[in-house]
Amino acid sequence: MIVREWRGATRATDREAYLAYLEVTGLREYAATPGNRGVLTLTRDTDDRTEFVLLSFWERLEDIAAFAGSAIEHAVFYPEDDRFLVERDLHVTHYEMAGDRVSGNNCGRRGVY
């Protein structure tokens, strides 16, 4: 299993709107791409910003390419991202999953498919 990590940040006041936007853009596209095994959406509020970390889970690098294109190390952005994001990684990091200690079918209320 491959884990794809992306990071970005919004103004704290845009937190909920950006979460809703993620649901209908990137998270929906992850779920619709064969080989995607889910995504964790992590947030952290710091002063006037909310940081986001998306960890998406994939069977193979080829599955990631079906989502992201052949340059899989480049982040994927959507039309309204410029309105929300005050910081963003332009590149993503990929990891091989070495183990899993999470139990149960649902790790949280939002962002696990």
PDB file of N, CA and C in Angstrom:
ATOM      1  N   MET A   1       0.853  -1.169   0.000  1.00  0.00           N
ATOM      2  CA  MET A   1       0.000   0.000   0.000  1.00  0.00           C
ATOM      3  C   MET A   1       0.898   1.231   0.000  1.00  0.00           C
ATOM      4  N   ILE A   2       0.490   2.244  -0.767  1.00  0.00           N
ATOM      5  CA  ILE A   2       1.213   3.506  -0.862  1.00  0.00           C
ATOM      6  C   ILE A   2       0.386   4.586  -0.168  1.00  0.00           C
ATOM      7  N   VAL A   3       1.053   5.417   0.638  1.00  0.00           N
ATOM      8  CA  VAL A   3       0.401   6.548   1.292  1.00  0.00           C
ATOM      9  C   VAL A   3       0.925   7.819   0.623  1.00  0.00           C
ATOM     10  N   ARG A   4       0.001   8.657   0.199  1.00  0.00           N
ATOM     11  CA  ARG A   4       0.317   9.931  -0.464  1.00  0.00           C
ATOM     12  C   ARG A   4      -0.017  11.054   0.515  1.00  0.00           C
ATOM     13  N   GLU A   5       0.976  11.891   0.819  1.00  0.00           N
ATOM     14  CA  GLU A   5       0.801  12.973   1.793  1.00  0.00           C
ATOM     15  C   GLU A   5       0.852  14.330   1.104  1.00  0.00           C
ATOM     16  N   TRP A   6      -0.150  15.158   1.405  1.00  0.00           N
ATOM     17  CA  TRP A   6      -0.169  16.541   0.944  1.00  0.00           C
ATOM     18  C   TRP A   6      -0.509  17.440   2.125  1.00  0.00           C
ATOM     19  N   ARG A   7       0.069  18.668   2.132  1.00  0.00           N
ATOM     20  CA  ARG A   7      -0.165  19.629   3.207  1.00  0.00           C
ATOM     21  C   ARG A   7      -0.537  20.992   2.629  1.00  0.00           C
ATOM     22  N   GLY A   8      -1.414  21.688   3.348  1.00  0.00           N
ATOM     23  CA  GLY A   8      -1.793  23.044   2.987  1.00  0.00           C
ATOM     24  C   GLY A   8      -2.382  23.738   4.201  1.00  0.00           C
ATOM     25  N   ALA A   9      -2.702  25.022   4.042  1.00  0.00           N
ATOM     26  CA  ALA A   9      -3.290  25.780   5.151  1.00  0.00           C
ATOM     27  C   ALA A   9      -4.249  26.823   4.595  1.00  0.00           C
ATOM     28  N   THR A  10      -5.295  27.088   5.382  1.00  0.00           N
ATOM     29  CA  THR A  10      -6.266  28.138   5.082  1.00  0.00           C
ATOM     30  C   THR A  10      -6.284  29.125   6.241  1.00  0.00           C
ATOM     31  N   ARG A  11      -6.970  30.238   6.048  1.00  0.00           N
ATOM     32  CA  ARG A  11      -7.278  31.096   7.185  1.00  0.00           C
ATOM     33  C   ARG A  11      -8.198  30.295   8.105  1.00  0.00           C
ATOM     34  N   ALA A  12      -8.089  30.476   9.391  1.00  0.00           N
ATOM     35  CA  ALA A  12      -8.916  29.721  10.337  1.00  0.00           C
ATOM     36  C   ALA A  12     -10.399  29.923  10.049  1.00  0.00           C
ATOM     37  N   THR A  13     -10.764  31.092   9.593  1.00  0.00           N
ATOM     38  CA  THR A  13     -12.168  31.378   9.301  1.00  0.00           C
ATOM     39  C   THR A  13     -12.690  30.597   8.095  1.00  0.00           C
ATOM     40  N   ASP A  14     -11.793  30.052   7.271  1.00  0.00           N
ATOM     41  CA  ASP A  14     -12.188  29.276   6.089  1.00  0.00           C
ATOM     42  C   ASP A  14     -12.162  27.767   6.337  1.00  0.00           C
ATOM     43  N   ARG A  15     -11.875  27.350   7.550  1.00  0.00           N
ATOM     44  CA  ARG A  15     -11.717  25.928   7.861  1.00  0.00           C
ATOM     45  C   ARG A  15     -12.898  25.083   7.388  1.00  0.00           C
ATOM     46  N   GLU A  16     -14.088  25.381   7.855  1.00  0.00           N
ATOM     47  CA  GLU A  16     -15.258  24.558   7.533  1.00  0.00           C
ATOM     48  C   GLU A  16     -15.616  24.630   6.056  1.00  0.00           C
ATOM     49  N   ALA A  17     -15.492  25.810   5.463  1.00  0.00           N
ATOM     50  CA  ALA A  17     -15.796  25.954   4.030  1.00  0.00           C
ATOM     51  C   ALA A  17     -14.812  25.140   3.194  1.00  0.00           C
ATOM     52  N   TYR A  18     -13.535  25.140   3.589  1.00  0.00           N
ATOM     53  CA  TYR A  18     -12.548  24.365   2.828  1.00  0.00           C
ATOM     54  C   TYR A  18     -12.773  22.864   3.019  1.00  0.00           C
ATOM     55  N   LEU A  19     -13.122  22.443   4.221  1.00  0.00           N
ATOM     56  CA  LEU A  19     -13.452  21.028   4.432  1.00  0.00           C
ATOM     57  C   LEU A  19     -14.607  20.601   3.529  1.00  0.00           C
ATOM     58  N   ALA A  20     -15.634  21.433   3.434  1.00  0.00           N
ATOM     59  CA  ALA A  20     -16.769  21.127   2.557  1.00  0.00           C
ATOM     60  C   ALA A  20     -16.326  21.095   1.104  1.00  0.00           C
ATOM     61  N   TYR A  21     -15.463  22.011   0.722  1.00  0.00           N
ATOM     62  CA  TYR A  21     -14.941  22.059  -0.647  1.00  0.00           C
ATOM     63  C   TYR A  21     -14.119  20.808  -0.961  1.00  0.00           C
ATOM     64  N   LEU A  22     -13.285  20.385  -0.019  1.00  0.00           N
ATOM     65  CA  LEU A  22     -12.511  19.147  -0.209  1.00  0.00           C
ATOM     66  C   LEU A  22     -13.419  17.952  -0.469  1.00  0.00           C
ATOM     67  N   GLU A  23     -14.527  17.898   0.250  1.00  0.00           N
ATOM     68  CA  GLU A  23     -15.458  16.768   0.108  1.00  0.00           C
ATOM     69  C   GLU A  23     -15.977  16.633  -1.323  1.00  0.00           C
ATOM     70  N   VAL A  24     -16.213  17.747  -2.004  1.00  0.00           N
ATOM     71  CA  VAL A  24     -16.791  17.684  -3.351  1.00  0.00           C
ATOM     72  C   VAL A  24     -15.749  17.764  -4.460  1.00  0.00           C
ATOM     73  N   THR A  25     -14.477  17.914  -4.093  1.00  0.00           N
ATOM     74  CA  THR A  25     -13.416  17.967  -5.106  1.00  0.00           C
ATOM     75  C   THR A  25     -12.479  16.778  -4.895  1.00  0.00           C
ATOM     76  N   GLY A  26     -11.375  17.009  -4.245  1.00  0.00           N
ATOM     77  CA  GLY A  26     -10.331  15.998  -4.122  1.00  0.00           C
ATOM     78  C   GLY A  26     -10.761  14.710  -3.453  1.00  0.00           C
ATOM     79  N   LEU A  27     -11.483  14.805  -2.342  1.00  0.00           N
ATOM     80  CA  LEU A  27     -11.877  13.580  -1.638  1.00  0.00           C
ATOM     81  C   LEU A  27     -12.831  12.743  -2.477  1.00  0.00           C
ATOM     82  N   ARG A  28     -13.714  13.406  -3.190  1.00  0.00           N
ATOM     83  CA  ARG A  28     -14.632  12.692  -4.086  1.00  0.00           C
ATOM     84  C   ARG A  28     -13.855  12.026  -5.223  1.00  0.00           C
ATOM     85  N   GLU A  29     -12.861  12.741  -5.780  1.00  0.00           N
ATOM     86  CA  GLU A  29     -12.066  12.156  -6.868  1.00  0.00           C
ATOM     87  C   GLU A  29     -11.206  10.999  -6.371  1.00  0.00           C
ATOM     88  N   TYR A  30     -10.661  11.123  -5.154  1.00  0.00           N
ATOM     89  CA  TYR A  30      -9.938   9.978  -4.581  1.00  0.00           C
ATOM     90  C   TYR A  30     -10.849   8.752  -4.593  1.00  0.00           C
ATOM     91  N   ALA A  31     -12.023   8.893  -4.011  1.00  0.00           N
ATOM     92  CA  ALA A  31     -12.936   7.771  -3.841  1.00  0.00           C
ATOM     93  C   ALA A  31     -13.367   7.175  -5.178  1.00  0.00           C
ATOM     94  N   ALA A  32     -13.436   7.991  -6.225  1.00  0.00           N
ATOM     95  CA  ALA A  32     -13.879   7.520  -7.537  1.00  0.00           C
ATOM     96  C   ALA A  32     -12.762   6.876  -8.344  1.00  0.00           C
ATOM     97  N   THR A  33     -11.522   6.954  -7.867  1.00  0.00           N
ATOM     98  CA  THR A  33     -10.384   6.418  -8.615  1.00  0.00           C
ATOM     99  C   THR A  33     -10.115   4.979  -8.197  1.00  0.00           C
ATOM    100  N   PRO A  34     -10.172   4.040  -9.145  1.00  0.00           N
ATOM    101  CA  PRO A  34      -9.852   2.653  -8.801  1.00  0.00           C
ATOM    102  C   PRO A  34      -8.457   2.556  -8.169  1.00  0.00           C
ATOM    103  N   GLY A  35      -8.357   1.754  -7.129  1.00  0.00           N
ATOM    104  CA  GLY A  35      -7.091   1.591  -6.427  1.00  0.00           C
ATOM    105  C   GLY A  35      -6.958   2.475  -5.206  1.00  0.00           C
ATOM    106  N   ASN A  36      -7.855   3.457  -5.047  1.00  0.00           N
ATOM    107  CA  ASN A  36      -7.829   4.276  -3.839  1.00  0.00           C
ATOM    108  C   ASN A  36      -8.489   3.490  -2.716  1.00  0.00           C
ATOM    109  N   ARG A  37      -7.834   3.462  -1.555  1.00  0.00           N
ATOM    110  CA  ARG A  37      -8.340   2.710  -0.411  1.00  0.00           C
ATOM    111  C   ARG A  37      -8.770   3.599   0.738  1.00  0.00           C
ATOM    112  N   GLY A  38      -8.832   4.914   0.508  1.00  0.00           N
ATOM    113  CA  GLY A  38      -9.325   5.810   1.537  1.00  0.00           C
ATOM    114  C   GLY A  38      -8.432   7.014   1.715  1.00  0.00           C
ATOM    115  N   VAL A  39      -8.857   7.887   2.604  1.00  0.00           N
ATOM    116  CA  VAL A  39      -8.114   9.104   2.895  1.00  0.00           C
ATOM    117  C   VAL A  39      -8.390   9.509   4.335  1.00  0.00           C
ATOM    118  N   LEU A  40      -7.377  10.001   4.992  1.00  0.00           N
ATOM    119  CA  LEU A  40      -7.523  10.638   6.297  1.00  0.00           C
ATOM    120  C   LEU A  40      -7.323  12.132   6.085  1.00  0.00           C
ATOM    121  N   THR A  41      -8.229  12.928   6.609  1.00  0.00           N
ATOM    122  CA  THR A  41      -8.129  14.376   6.546  1.00  0.00           C
ATOM    123  C   THR A  41      -7.824  14.858   7.953  1.00  0.00           C
ATOM    124  N   LEU A  42      -6.650  15.416   8.127  1.00  0.00           N
ATOM    125  CA  LEU A  42      -6.196  15.890   9.437  1.00  0.00           C
ATOM    126  C   LEU A  42      -6.170  17.414   9.436  1.00  0.00           C
ATOM    127  N   THR A  43      -6.562  18.020  10.556  1.00  0.00           N
ATOM    128  CA  THR A  43      -6.520  19.477  10.684  1.00  0.00           C
ATOM    129  C   THR A  43      -5.873  19.853  12.011  1.00  0.00           C
ATOM    130  N   ARG A  44      -5.312  21.057  12.004  1.00  0.00           N
ATOM    131  CA  ARG A  44      -4.728  21.602  13.227  1.00  0.00           C
ATOM    132  C   ARG A  44      -4.858  23.115  13.168  1.00  0.00           C
ATOM    133  N   ASP A  45      -5.510  23.696  14.172  1.00  0.00           N
ATOM    134  CA  ASP A  45      -5.657  25.141  14.232  1.00  0.00           C
ATOM    135  C   ASP A  45      -4.443  25.748  14.925  1.00  0.00           C
ATOM    136  N   THR A  46      -3.863  26.773  14.291  1.00  0.00           N
ATOM    137  CA  THR A  46      -2.728  27.494  14.853  1.00  0.00           C
ATOM    138  C   THR A  46      -2.969  28.987  14.632  1.00  0.00           C
ATOM    139  N   ASP A  47      -3.152  29.705  15.714  1.00  0.00           N
ATOM    140  CA  ASP A  47      -3.405  31.150  15.638  1.00  0.00           C
ATOM    141  C   ASP A  47      -4.514  31.448  14.639  1.00  0.00           C
ATOM    142  N   ASP A  48      -4.171  32.073  13.518  1.00  0.00           N
ATOM    143  CA  ASP A  48      -5.175  32.503  12.542  1.00  0.00           C
ATOM    144  C   ASP A  48      -5.291  31.566  11.345  1.00  0.00           C
ATOM    145  N   ARG A  49      -4.684  30.378  11.430  1.00  0.00           N
ATOM    146  CA  ARG A  49      -4.697  29.434  10.316  1.00  0.00           C
ATOM    147  C   ARG A  49      -5.163  28.057  10.737  1.00  0.00           C
ATOM    148  N   THR A  50      -5.618  27.315   9.756  1.00  0.00           N
ATOM    149  CA  THR A  50      -5.880  25.891   9.943  1.00  0.00           C
ATOM    150  C   THR A  50      -4.997  25.137   8.966  1.00  0.00           C
ATOM    151  N   GLU A  51      -4.186  24.244   9.501  1.00  0.00           N
ATOM    152  CA  GLU A  51      -3.329  23.405   8.666  1.00  0.00           C
ATOM    153  C   GLU A  51      -4.090  22.138   8.308  1.00  0.00           C
ATOM    154  N   PHE A  52      -3.869  21.653   7.100  1.00  0.00           N
ATOM    155  CA  PHE A  52      -4.486  20.431   6.602  1.00  0.00           C
ATOM    156  C   PHE A  52      -3.399  19.456   6.173  1.00  0.00           C
ATOM    157  N   VAL A  53      -3.596  18.203   6.513  1.00  0.00           N
ATOM    158  CA  VAL A  53      -2.761  17.121   5.998  1.00  0.00           C
ATOM    159  C   VAL A  53      -3.725  16.083   5.440  1.00  0.00           C
ATOM    160  N   LEU A  54      -3.533  15.736   4.175  1.00  0.00           N
ATOM    161  CA  LEU A  54      -4.320  14.668   3.558  1.00  0.00           C
ATOM    162  C   LEU A  54      -3.411  13.472   3.355  1.00  0.00           C
ATOM    163  N   LEU A  55      -3.811  12.348   3.918  1.00  0.00           N
ATOM    164  CA  LEU A  55      -3.107  11.086   3.725  1.00  0.00           C
ATOM    165  C   LEU A  55      -4.043  10.171   2.952  1.00  0.00           C
ATOM    166  N   SER A  56      -3.734   9.961   1.686  1.00  0.00           N
ATOM    167  CA  SER A  56      -4.572   9.076   0.876  1.00  0.00           C
ATOM    168  C   SER A  56      -3.838   7.755   0.696  1.00  0.00           C
ATOM    169  N   PHE A  57      -4.608   6.686   0.595  1.00  0.00           N
ATOM    170  CA  PHE A  57      -4.079   5.325   0.573  1.00  0.00           C
ATOM    171  C   PHE A  57      -4.375   4.689  -0.781  1.00  0.00           C
ATOM    172  N   TRP A  58      -3.353   4.107  -1.384  1.00  0.00           N
ATOM    173  CA  TRP A  58      -3.436   3.603  -2.758  1.00  0.00           C
ATOM    174  C   TRP A  58      -2.823   2.216  -2.854  1.00  0.00           C
ATOM    175  N   GLU A  59      -3.385   1.398  -3.724  1.00  0.00           N
ATOM    176  CA  GLU A  59      -2.843   0.056  -3.956  1.00  0.00           C
ATOM    177  C   GLU A  59      -1.486   0.107  -4.646  1.00  0.00           C
ATOM    178  N   ARG A  60      -1.382   0.920  -5.712  1.00  0.00           N
ATOM    179  CA  ARG A  60      -0.160   0.950  -6.522  1.00  0.00           C
ATOM    180  C   ARG A  60       0.120   2.375  -6.999  1.00  0.00           C
ATOM    181  N   LEU A  61       1.355   2.624  -7.407  1.00  0.00           N
ATOM    182  CA  LEU A  61       1.705   3.927  -7.966  1.00  0.00           C
ATOM    183  C   LEU A  61       0.914   4.207  -9.236  1.00  0.00           C
ATOM    184  N   GLU A  62       0.603   3.189 -10.002  1.00  0.00           N
ATOM    185  CA  GLU A  62      -0.186   3.361 -11.223  1.00  0.00           C
ATOM    186  C   GLU A  62      -1.585   3.893 -10.914  1.00  0.00           C
ATOM    187  N   ASP A  63      -2.132   3.505  -9.778  1.00  0.00           N
ATOM    188  CA  ASP A  63      -3.438   4.016  -9.370  1.00  0.00           C
ATOM    189  C   ASP A  63      -3.353   5.501  -9.047  1.00  0.00           C
ATOM    190  N   ILE A  64      -2.261   5.911  -8.418  1.00  0.00           N
ATOM    191  CA  ILE A  64      -2.052   7.337  -8.133  1.00  0.00           C
ATOM    192  C   ILE A  64      -1.964   8.117  -9.441  1.00  0.00           C
ATOM    193  N   ALA A  65      -1.273   7.555 -10.428  1.00  0.00           N
ATOM    194  CA  ALA A  65      -1.151   8.213 -11.731  1.00  0.00           C
ATOM    195  C   ALA A  65      -2.513   8.395 -12.396  1.00  0.00           C
ATOM    196  N   ALA A  66      -3.429   7.465 -12.169  1.00  0.00           N
ATOM    197  CA  ALA A  66      -4.777   7.611 -12.728  1.00  0.00           C
ATOM    198  C   ALA A  66      -5.485   8.815 -12.114  1.00  0.00           C
ATOM    199  N   PHE A  67      -5.155   9.148 -10.877  1.00  0.00           N
ATOM    200  CA  PHE A  67      -5.729  10.320 -10.208  1.00  0.00           C
ATOM    201  C   PHE A  67      -4.949  11.590 -10.547  1.00  0.00           C
ATOM    202  N   ALA A  68      -3.618  11.539 -10.434  1.00  0.00           N
ATOM    203  CA  ALA A  68      -2.783  12.742 -10.459  1.00  0.00           C
ATOM    204  C   ALA A  68      -2.113  13.019 -11.795  1.00  0.00           C
ATOM    205  N   GLY A  69      -2.116  12.062 -12.701  1.00  0.00           N
ATOM    206  CA  GLY A  69      -1.357  12.209 -13.935  1.00  0.00           C
ATOM    207  C   GLY A  69       0.013  11.575 -13.789  1.00  0.00           C
ATOM    208  N   SER A  70       0.780  11.597 -14.852  1.00  0.00           N
ATOM    209  CA  SER A  70       2.057  10.872 -14.861  1.00  0.00           C
ATOM    210  C   SER A  70       3.099  11.454 -13.905  1.00  0.00           C
ATOM    211  N   ALA A  71       3.016  12.738 -13.607  1.00  0.00           N
ATOM    212  CA  ALA A  71       3.945  13.360 -12.649  1.00  0.00           C
ATOM    213  C   ALA A  71       3.325  13.238 -11.258  1.00  0.00           C
ATOM    214  N   ILE A  72       3.362  12.035 -10.709  1.00  0.00           N
ATOM    215  CA  ILE A  72       2.629  11.768  -9.464  1.00  0.00           C
ATOM    216  C   ILE A  72       3.160  12.537  -8.265  1.00  0.00           C
ATOM    217  N   GLU A  73       4.356  13.094  -8.373  1.00  0.00           N
ATOM    218  CA  GLU A  73       4.898  13.859  -7.247  1.00  0.00           C
ATOM    219  C   GLU A  73       4.341  15.279  -7.192  1.00  0.00           C
ATOM    220  N   HIS A  74       3.597  15.689  -8.211  1.00  0.00           N
ATOM    221  CA  HIS A  74       2.981  17.016  -8.217  1.00  0.00           C
ATOM    222  C   HIS A  74       1.615  16.969  -7.543  1.00  0.00           C
ATOM    223  N   ALA A  75       1.325  17.968  -6.741  1.00  0.00           N
ATOM    224  CA  ALA A  75       0.021  18.066  -6.089  1.00  0.00           C
ATOM    225  C   ALA A  75      -1.059  18.381  -7.121  1.00  0.00           C
ATOM    226  N   VAL A  76      -2.270  17.963  -6.812  1.00  0.00           N
ATOM    227  CA  VAL A  76      -3.431  18.235  -7.666  1.00  0.00           C
ATOM    228  C   VAL A  76      -4.242  19.358  -7.019  1.00  0.00           C
ATOM    229  N   PHE A  77      -4.571  20.375  -7.807  1.00  0.00           N
ATOM    230  CA  PHE A  77      -5.343  21.503  -7.292  1.00  0.00           C
ATOM    231  C   PHE A  77      -6.631  21.674  -8.093  1.00  0.00           C
ATOM    232  N   TYR A  78      -7.572  22.382  -7.485  1.00  0.00           N
ATOM    233  CA  TYR A  78      -8.898  22.603  -8.054  1.00  0.00           C
ATOM    234  C   TYR A  78      -9.155  24.098  -8.160  1.00  0.00           C
ATOM    235  N   PRO A  79     -10.152  24.501  -8.969  1.00  0.00           N
ATOM    236  CA  PRO A  79     -10.334  25.924  -9.296  1.00  0.00           C
ATOM    237  C   PRO A  79     -10.420  26.877  -8.105  1.00  0.00           C
ATOM    238  N   GLU A  80     -11.067  26.491  -7.022  1.00  0.00           N
ATOM    239  CA  GLU A  80     -11.245  27.409  -5.893  1.00  0.00           C
ATOM    240  C   GLU A  80     -10.125  27.318  -4.849  1.00  0.00           C
ATOM    241  N   ASP A  81      -9.124  26.482  -5.079  1.00  0.00           N
ATOM    242  CA  ASP A  81      -8.032  26.370  -4.111  1.00  0.00           C
ATOM    243  C   ASP A  81      -7.336  27.709  -3.879  1.00  0.00           C
ATOM    244  N   ASP A  82      -7.181  28.506  -4.929  1.00  0.00           N
ATOM    245  CA  ASP A  82      -6.531  29.816  -4.760  1.00  0.00           C
ATOM    246  C   ASP A  82      -7.300  30.706  -3.791  1.00  0.00           C
ATOM    247  N   ARG A  83      -8.602  30.561  -3.749  1.00  0.00           N
ATOM    248  CA  ARG A  83      -9.435  31.369  -2.843  1.00  0.00           C
ATOM    249  C   ARG A  83      -9.228  30.956  -1.386  1.00  0.00           C
ATOM    250  N   PHE A  84      -9.006  29.669  -1.155  1.00  0.00           N
ATOM    251  CA  PHE A  84      -8.910  29.149   0.208  1.00  0.00           C
ATOM    252  C   PHE A  84      -7.484  29.064   0.754  1.00  0.00           C
ATOM    253  N   LEU A  85      -6.568  28.599  -0.043  1.00  0.00           N
ATOM    254  CA  LEU A  85      -5.248  28.228   0.487  1.00  0.00           C
ATOM    255  C   LEU A  85      -4.312  29.421   0.620  1.00  0.00           C
ATOM    256  N   VAL A  86      -3.755  29.581   1.824  1.00  0.00           N
ATOM    257  CA  VAL A  86      -2.748  30.613   2.067  1.00  0.00           C
ATOM    258  C   VAL A  86      -1.347  30.007   2.084  1.00  0.00           C
ATOM    259  N   GLU A  87      -1.278  28.703   2.211  1.00  0.00           N
ATOM    260  CA  GLU A  87      -0.036  27.929   2.078  1.00  0.00           C
ATOM    261  C   GLU A  87      -0.404  26.616   1.424  1.00  0.00           C
ATOM    262  N   ARG A  88       0.531  26.078   0.633  1.00  0.00           N
ATOM    263  CA  ARG A  88       0.280  24.767   0.035  1.00  0.00           C
ATOM    264  C   ARG A  88       1.574  24.142  -0.435  1.00  0.00           C
ATOM    265  N   ASP A  89       1.662  22.851  -0.266  1.00  0.00           N
ATOM    266  CA  ASP A  89       2.761  22.103  -0.862  1.00  0.00           C
ATOM    267  C   ASP A  89       2.439  21.892  -2.326  1.00  0.00           C
ATOM    268  N   LEU A  90       3.394  22.180  -3.187  1.00  0.00           N
ATOM    269  CA  LEU A  90       3.216  21.946  -4.617  1.00  0.00           C
ATOM    270  C   LEU A  90       3.543  20.507  -4.994  1.00  0.00           C
ATOM    271  N   HIS A  91       4.250  19.858  -4.108  1.00  0.00           N
ATOM    272  CA  HIS A  91       4.618  18.459  -4.314  1.00  0.00           C
ATOM    273  C   HIS A  91       4.074  17.617  -3.162  1.00  0.00           C
ATOM    274  N   VAL A  92       3.886  16.361  -3.431  1.00  0.00           N
ATOM    275  CA  VAL A  92       3.423  15.417  -2.423  1.00  0.00           C
ATOM    276  C   VAL A  92       4.550  14.452  -2.102  1.00  0.00           C
ATOM    277  N   THR A  93       4.390  13.744  -1.004  1.00  0.00           N
ATOM    278  CA  THR A  93       5.355  12.726  -0.606  1.00  0.00           C
ATOM    279  C   THR A  93       4.642  11.392  -0.591  1.00  0.00           C
ATOM    280  N   HIS A  94       5.325  10.369  -1.094  1.00  0.00           N
ATOM    281  CA  HIS A  94       4.761   9.017  -1.103  1.00  0.00           C
ATOM    282  C   HIS A  94       5.560   8.126  -0.157  1.00  0.00           C
ATOM    283  N   TYR A  95       4.838   7.268   0.560  1.00  0.00           N
ATOM    284  CA  TYR A  95       5.433   6.328   1.505  1.00  0.00           C
ATOM    285  C   TYR A  95       4.874   4.941   1.241  1.00  0.00           C
ATOM    286  N   GLU A  96       5.690   3.931   1.491  1.00  0.00           N
ATOM    287  CA  GLU A  96       5.169   2.568   1.531  1.00  0.00           C
ATOM    288  C   GLU A  96       4.667   2.316   2.937  1.00  0.00           C
ATOM    289  N   MET A  97       3.476   1.769   3.050  1.00  0.00           N
ATOM    290  CA  MET A  97       2.909   1.492   4.368  1.00  0.00           C
ATOM    291  C   MET A  97       3.548   0.216   4.905  1.00  0.00           C
ATOM    292  N   ALA A  98       4.199   0.338   6.048  1.00  0.00           N
ATOM    293  CA  ALA A  98       4.927  -0.785   6.630  1.00  0.00           C
ATOM    294  C   ALA A  98       4.107  -1.539   7.658  1.00  0.00           C
ATOM    295  N   GLY A  99       3.060  -0.930   8.179  1.00  0.00           N
ATOM    296  CA  GLY A  99       2.244  -1.583   9.189  1.00  0.00           C
ATOM    297  C   GLY A  99       1.005  -0.770   9.463  1.00  0.00           C
ATOM    298  N   ASP A 100       0.066  -1.378  10.168  1.00  0.00           N
ATOM    299  CA  ASP A 100      -1.209  -0.727  10.460  1.00  0.00           C
ATOM    300  C   ASP A 100      -1.647  -1.147  11.851  1.00  0.00           C
ATOM    301  N   ARG A 101      -1.772  -0.196  12.748  1.00  0.00           N
ATOM    302  CA  ARG A 101      -2.221  -0.493  14.102  1.00  0.00           C
ATOM    303  C   ARG A 101      -3.559   0.163  14.415  1.00  0.00           C
ATOM    304  N   VAL A 102      -4.245   0.652  13.399  1.00  0.00           N
ATOM    305  CA  VAL A 102      -5.561   1.257  13.588  1.00  0.00           C
ATOM    306  C   VAL A 102      -6.593   0.143  13.587  1.00  0.00           C
ATOM    307  N   SER A 103      -7.461   0.148  14.573  1.00  0.00           N
ATOM    308  CA  SER A 103      -8.476  -0.901  14.641  1.00  0.00           C
ATOM    309  C   SER A 103      -9.841  -0.339  14.292  1.00  0.00           C
ATOM    310  N   GLY A 104     -10.718  -1.192  13.871  1.00  0.00           N
ATOM    311  CA  GLY A 104     -12.078  -0.782  13.533  1.00  0.00           C
ATOM    312  C   GLY A 104     -12.201  -0.326  12.098  1.00  0.00           C
ATOM    313  N   ASN A 105     -13.424  -0.197  11.645  1.00  0.00           N
ATOM    314  CA  ASN A 105     -13.678   0.185  10.263  1.00  0.00           C
ATOM    315  C   ASN A 105     -13.753   1.682  10.056  1.00  0.00           C
ATOM    316  N   ASN A 106     -13.947   2.448  11.116  1.00  0.00           N
ATOM    317  CA  ASN A 106     -14.107   3.883  10.967  1.00  0.00           C
ATOM    318  C   ASN A 106     -13.218   4.579  11.989  1.00  0.00           C
ATOM    319  N   CYS A 107     -12.180   5.259  11.498  1.00  0.00           N
ATOM    320  CA  CYS A 107     -11.211   5.893  12.388  1.00  0.00           C
ATOM    321  C   CYS A 107     -11.649   7.261  12.868  1.00  0.00           C
ATOM    322  N   GLY A 108     -12.658   7.829  12.269  1.00  0.00           N
ATOM    323  CA  GLY A 108     -13.088   9.165  12.643  1.00  0.00           C
ATOM    324  C   GLY A 108     -14.393   9.521  11.985  1.00  0.00           C
ATOM    325  N   ARG A 109     -14.915  10.675  12.325  1.00  0.00           N
ATOM    326  CA  ARG A 109     -16.219  11.036  11.803  1.00  0.00           C
ATOM    327  C   ARG A 109     -16.171  11.586  10.389  1.00  0.00           C
ATOM    328  N   ARG A 110     -15.006  12.034   9.935  1.00  0.00           N
ATOM    329  CA  ARG A 110     -14.932  12.693   8.639  1.00  0.00           C
ATOM    330  C   ARG A 110     -13.639  12.297   7.951  1.00  0.00           C
ATOM    331  N   GLY A 111     -13.707  12.014   6.688  1.00  0.00           N
ATOM    332  CA  GLY A 111     -12.488  11.845   5.895  1.00  0.00           C
ATOM    333  C   GLY A 111     -11.972  10.434   5.765  1.00  0.00           C
ATOM    334  N   VAL A 112     -12.651   9.439   6.292  1.00  0.00           N
ATOM    335  CA  VAL A 112     -12.211   8.056   6.107  1.00  0.00           C
ATOM    336  C   VAL A 112     -13.230   7.354   5.245  1.00  0.00           C
ATOM    337  N   TYR A 113     -12.796   6.814   4.133  1.00  0.00           N
ATOM    338  CA  TYR A 113     -13.717   6.139   3.212  1.00  0.00           C
ATOM    339  C   TYR A 113     -13.433   4.666   3.159  1.00  0.00           C
TER     340      TYR A 113
END
